[in-house]
N, C-alpha and C. Protein backbone atom coordinates (compact mmCIF):
# COMPACT_ATOMS: atom_id res chain seq x y z
N UNK A 1 16.78 1.41 -4.23
CA UNK A 1 17.47 0.63 -5.24
C UNK A 1 16.49 -0.14 -6.10
N UNK A 2 15.44 -0.70 -5.50
CA UNK A 2 14.46 -1.46 -6.26
C UNK A 2 13.79 -0.58 -7.31
N UNK A 3 13.42 0.64 -6.92
CA UNK A 3 12.78 1.55 -7.85
C UNK A 3 13.69 1.85 -9.02
N UNK A 4 14.95 2.13 -8.74
CA UNK A 4 15.91 2.42 -9.80
C UNK A 4 16.05 1.24 -10.74
N UNK A 5 16.10 0.04 -10.20
CA UNK A 5 16.22 -1.16 -11.01
C UNK A 5 15.01 -1.32 -11.92
N UNK A 6 13.82 -1.07 -11.40
CA UNK A 6 12.61 -1.17 -12.21
C UNK A 6 12.59 -0.13 -13.32
N UNK A 7 13.03 1.07 -13.03
CA UNK A 7 13.06 2.11 -14.05
C UNK A 7 14.04 1.74 -15.15
N UNK A 8 15.18 1.17 -14.78
CA UNK A 8 16.15 0.76 -15.78
C UNK A 8 15.58 -0.30 -16.71
N UNK A 9 14.71 -1.15 -16.19
CA UNK A 9 14.08 -2.18 -17.01
C UNK A 9 12.91 -1.63 -17.81
N UNK A 10 12.57 -0.36 -17.61
CA UNK A 10 11.46 0.23 -18.34
C UNK A 10 10.13 0.08 -17.62
N UNK A 11 10.15 -0.41 -16.40
CA UNK A 11 8.93 -0.58 -15.62
C UNK A 11 9.03 0.33 -14.41
N UNK A 12 8.13 1.29 -14.33
CA UNK A 12 8.16 2.23 -13.21
C UNK A 12 7.11 1.83 -12.18
N UNK A 13 7.53 1.74 -10.93
CA UNK A 13 6.59 1.41 -9.86
C UNK A 13 5.65 2.59 -9.65
N UNK A 14 4.41 2.27 -9.32
CA UNK A 14 3.46 3.32 -8.98
C UNK A 14 3.56 3.60 -7.49
N UNK A 15 3.37 4.84 -7.12
CA UNK A 15 3.38 5.25 -5.73
C UNK A 15 2.10 6.02 -5.47
N UNK A 16 1.47 5.72 -4.34
CA UNK A 16 0.22 6.40 -4.02
C UNK A 16 0.08 6.55 -2.53
N UNK A 17 -0.47 7.68 -2.11
CA UNK A 17 -0.83 7.90 -0.72
C UNK A 17 -2.34 7.73 -0.62
N UNK A 18 -2.77 6.85 0.29
CA UNK A 18 -4.19 6.58 0.47
C UNK A 18 -4.63 7.00 1.86
N UNK A 19 -5.79 7.63 1.94
CA UNK A 19 -6.38 7.99 3.21
C UNK A 19 -7.13 6.76 3.75
N UNK A 20 -6.82 6.38 5.00
CA UNK A 20 -7.44 5.22 5.64
C UNK A 20 -8.05 5.68 6.96
N UNK A 21 -9.31 6.11 6.95
CA UNK A 21 -9.92 6.68 8.16
C UNK A 21 -9.94 5.75 9.38
N UNK A 22 -9.92 4.44 9.20
CA UNK A 22 -10.00 3.50 10.32
C UNK A 22 -8.68 3.30 11.05
N UNK A 23 -7.58 3.86 10.56
CA UNK A 23 -6.30 3.72 11.26
C UNK A 23 -6.36 4.52 12.55
N UNK A 24 -6.00 3.86 13.67
CA UNK A 24 -5.99 4.59 14.94
C UNK A 24 -4.67 4.43 15.70
N UNK A 25 -3.81 3.49 15.26
CA UNK A 25 -2.57 3.27 16.01
C UNK A 25 -1.56 2.51 15.14
N UNK A 26 -0.40 2.28 15.72
CA UNK A 26 0.65 1.55 15.03
C UNK A 26 0.28 0.11 14.73
N UNK A 27 -0.56 -0.48 15.59
CA UNK A 27 -0.99 -1.86 15.33
C UNK A 27 -1.82 -1.95 14.05
N UNK A 28 -2.63 -0.93 13.81
CA UNK A 28 -3.40 -0.88 12.56
C UNK A 28 -2.45 -0.87 11.36
N UNK A 29 -1.42 -0.06 11.45
CA UNK A 29 -0.45 0.03 10.36
C UNK A 29 0.25 -1.31 10.17
N UNK A 30 0.60 -1.98 11.25
CA UNK A 30 1.25 -3.30 11.15
C UNK A 30 0.35 -4.30 10.46
N UNK A 31 -0.95 -4.28 10.78
CA UNK A 31 -1.90 -5.18 10.13
C UNK A 31 -1.98 -4.90 8.64
N UNK A 32 -2.07 -3.64 8.29
CA UNK A 32 -2.15 -3.26 6.87
C UNK A 32 -0.87 -3.70 6.14
N UNK A 33 0.29 -3.45 6.74
CA UNK A 33 1.55 -3.85 6.11
C UNK A 33 1.61 -5.36 5.91
N UNK A 34 1.17 -6.11 6.90
CA UNK A 34 1.19 -7.58 6.81
C UNK A 34 0.31 -8.05 5.66
N UNK A 35 -0.91 -7.56 5.61
CA UNK A 35 -1.86 -8.01 4.59
C UNK A 35 -1.49 -7.56 3.19
N UNK A 36 -1.12 -6.30 3.04
CA UNK A 36 -0.74 -5.81 1.71
C UNK A 36 0.59 -6.39 1.26
N UNK A 37 1.45 -6.72 2.22
CA UNK A 37 2.73 -7.33 1.89
C UNK A 37 2.60 -8.69 1.24
N UNK A 38 1.43 -9.31 1.38
CA UNK A 38 1.18 -10.61 0.77
C UNK A 38 0.66 -10.49 -0.66
N UNK A 39 0.37 -9.28 -1.11
CA UNK A 39 -0.11 -9.06 -2.47
C UNK A 39 1.10 -8.98 -3.41
N UNK A 40 1.13 -9.86 -4.39
CA UNK A 40 2.24 -9.88 -5.35
C UNK A 40 2.36 -8.53 -6.05
N UNK A 41 3.57 -7.98 -6.04
CA UNK A 41 3.84 -6.72 -6.71
C UNK A 41 3.90 -5.53 -5.77
N UNK A 42 3.35 -5.68 -4.55
CA UNK A 42 3.38 -4.57 -3.59
C UNK A 42 4.77 -4.52 -2.97
N UNK A 43 5.36 -3.35 -2.97
CA UNK A 43 6.69 -3.17 -2.41
C UNK A 43 6.64 -2.43 -1.09
N UNK A 44 7.18 -1.26 -1.08
CA UNK A 44 7.30 -0.45 0.13
C UNK A 44 5.93 0.01 0.62
N UNK A 45 5.70 -0.12 1.94
CA UNK A 45 4.46 0.33 2.56
C UNK A 45 4.84 1.12 3.81
N UNK A 46 4.38 2.35 3.89
CA UNK A 46 4.60 3.17 5.07
C UNK A 46 3.26 3.66 5.58
N UNK A 47 3.11 3.69 6.91
CA UNK A 47 1.85 4.13 7.49
C UNK A 47 2.04 5.32 8.41
N UNK A 48 1.01 6.14 8.49
CA UNK A 48 1.00 7.32 9.36
C UNK A 48 -0.30 7.32 10.16
N UNK A 49 -0.27 6.75 11.39
CA UNK A 49 -1.50 6.71 12.19
C UNK A 49 -2.07 8.10 12.47
N UNK A 50 -1.21 9.08 12.75
CA UNK A 50 -1.69 10.43 13.05
C UNK A 50 -2.39 11.05 11.83
N UNK A 51 -1.84 10.79 10.66
CA UNK A 51 -2.42 11.31 9.43
C UNK A 51 -3.48 10.41 8.82
N UNK A 52 -3.68 9.24 9.45
CA UNK A 52 -4.66 8.25 8.97
C UNK A 52 -4.45 7.95 7.48
N UNK A 53 -3.19 7.63 7.14
CA UNK A 53 -2.89 7.35 5.74
C UNK A 53 -1.77 6.34 5.61
N UNK A 54 -1.67 5.76 4.41
CA UNK A 54 -0.55 4.90 4.05
C UNK A 54 0.00 5.39 2.72
N UNK A 55 1.28 5.16 2.52
CA UNK A 55 1.93 5.43 1.24
C UNK A 55 2.55 4.13 0.80
N UNK A 56 2.27 3.71 -0.42
CA UNK A 56 2.81 2.44 -0.88
C UNK A 56 3.26 2.51 -2.33
N UNK A 57 4.14 1.57 -2.67
CA UNK A 57 4.64 1.42 -4.03
C UNK A 57 4.27 0.03 -4.51
N UNK A 58 3.93 -0.07 -5.79
CA UNK A 58 3.62 -1.37 -6.36
C UNK A 58 3.89 -1.36 -7.85
N UNK A 59 4.01 -2.57 -8.38
CA UNK A 59 4.07 -2.75 -9.82
C UNK A 59 3.28 -4.01 -10.15
N UNK A 60 3.21 -4.36 -11.42
CA UNK A 60 2.44 -5.53 -11.83
C UNK A 60 3.00 -6.77 -11.14
N UNK A 61 2.15 -7.68 -10.74
CA UNK A 61 0.74 -7.82 -11.07
C UNK A 61 -0.22 -7.07 -10.15
N UNK A 62 0.26 -6.35 -9.14
CA UNK A 62 -0.63 -5.61 -8.25
C UNK A 62 -1.29 -4.45 -9.00
N UNK A 63 -2.49 -4.12 -8.57
CA UNK A 63 -3.22 -2.98 -9.12
C UNK A 63 -3.81 -2.19 -7.96
N UNK A 64 -4.16 -0.96 -8.21
CA UNK A 64 -4.79 -0.15 -7.18
C UNK A 64 -6.12 -0.77 -6.76
N UNK A 65 -6.86 -1.31 -7.72
CA UNK A 65 -8.13 -1.97 -7.38
C UNK A 65 -7.92 -3.15 -6.44
N UNK A 66 -6.90 -3.97 -6.70
CA UNK A 66 -6.60 -5.12 -5.84
C UNK A 66 -6.20 -4.65 -4.45
N UNK A 67 -5.39 -3.62 -4.37
CA UNK A 67 -4.95 -3.08 -3.08
C UNK A 67 -6.16 -2.59 -2.29
N UNK A 68 -7.04 -1.84 -2.94
CA UNK A 68 -8.25 -1.33 -2.26
C UNK A 68 -9.17 -2.47 -1.83
N UNK A 69 -9.23 -3.51 -2.64
CA UNK A 69 -10.05 -4.68 -2.29
C UNK A 69 -9.54 -5.33 -1.00
N UNK A 70 -8.23 -5.51 -0.90
CA UNK A 70 -7.65 -6.10 0.31
C UNK A 70 -7.91 -5.20 1.50
N UNK A 71 -7.75 -3.90 1.34
CA UNK A 71 -8.01 -2.97 2.44
C UNK A 71 -9.47 -3.06 2.91
N UNK A 72 -10.40 -3.20 1.99
CA UNK A 72 -11.82 -3.36 2.37
C UNK A 72 -12.02 -4.67 3.14
N UNK A 73 -11.39 -5.74 2.66
CA UNK A 73 -11.55 -7.05 3.30
C UNK A 73 -11.05 -7.06 4.73
N UNK A 74 -10.04 -6.25 5.05
CA UNK A 74 -9.49 -6.25 6.41
C UNK A 74 -10.02 -5.08 7.24
N UNK A 75 -11.09 -4.43 6.73
CA UNK A 75 -11.79 -3.35 7.44
C UNK A 75 -10.96 -2.07 7.59
N UNK A 76 -10.11 -1.81 6.61
CA UNK A 76 -9.38 -0.55 6.53
C UNK A 76 -9.58 0.04 5.13
N UNK A 77 -10.83 0.31 4.76
CA UNK A 77 -11.07 0.79 3.39
C UNK A 77 -10.46 2.17 3.16
N UNK A 78 -9.95 2.35 1.96
CA UNK A 78 -9.40 3.65 1.57
C UNK A 78 -10.54 4.57 1.21
N UNK A 79 -10.50 5.80 1.70
CA UNK A 79 -11.55 6.76 1.33
C UNK A 79 -11.16 7.44 0.02
N UNK A 80 -12.13 7.79 -0.73
CA UNK A 80 -11.88 8.42 -2.03
C UNK A 80 -11.73 9.90 -1.89
């Protein structure tokens, strides 16, 4: 519903899947969700420990650079 509402307003949320090699369990995903959840503009966050990845949605004021910065700070850097 949030995505639909944003599209109606002319603002489309960005969605990206990021590879996070340091993820090893569900606790890692919980930590990432907690920290990224505090970034203004970050919406839905899903993690896959087996796939060592996260999928997230965000809109302004969040940016991909800000998200990657937070991931580096908490020792879960996204690989390029």
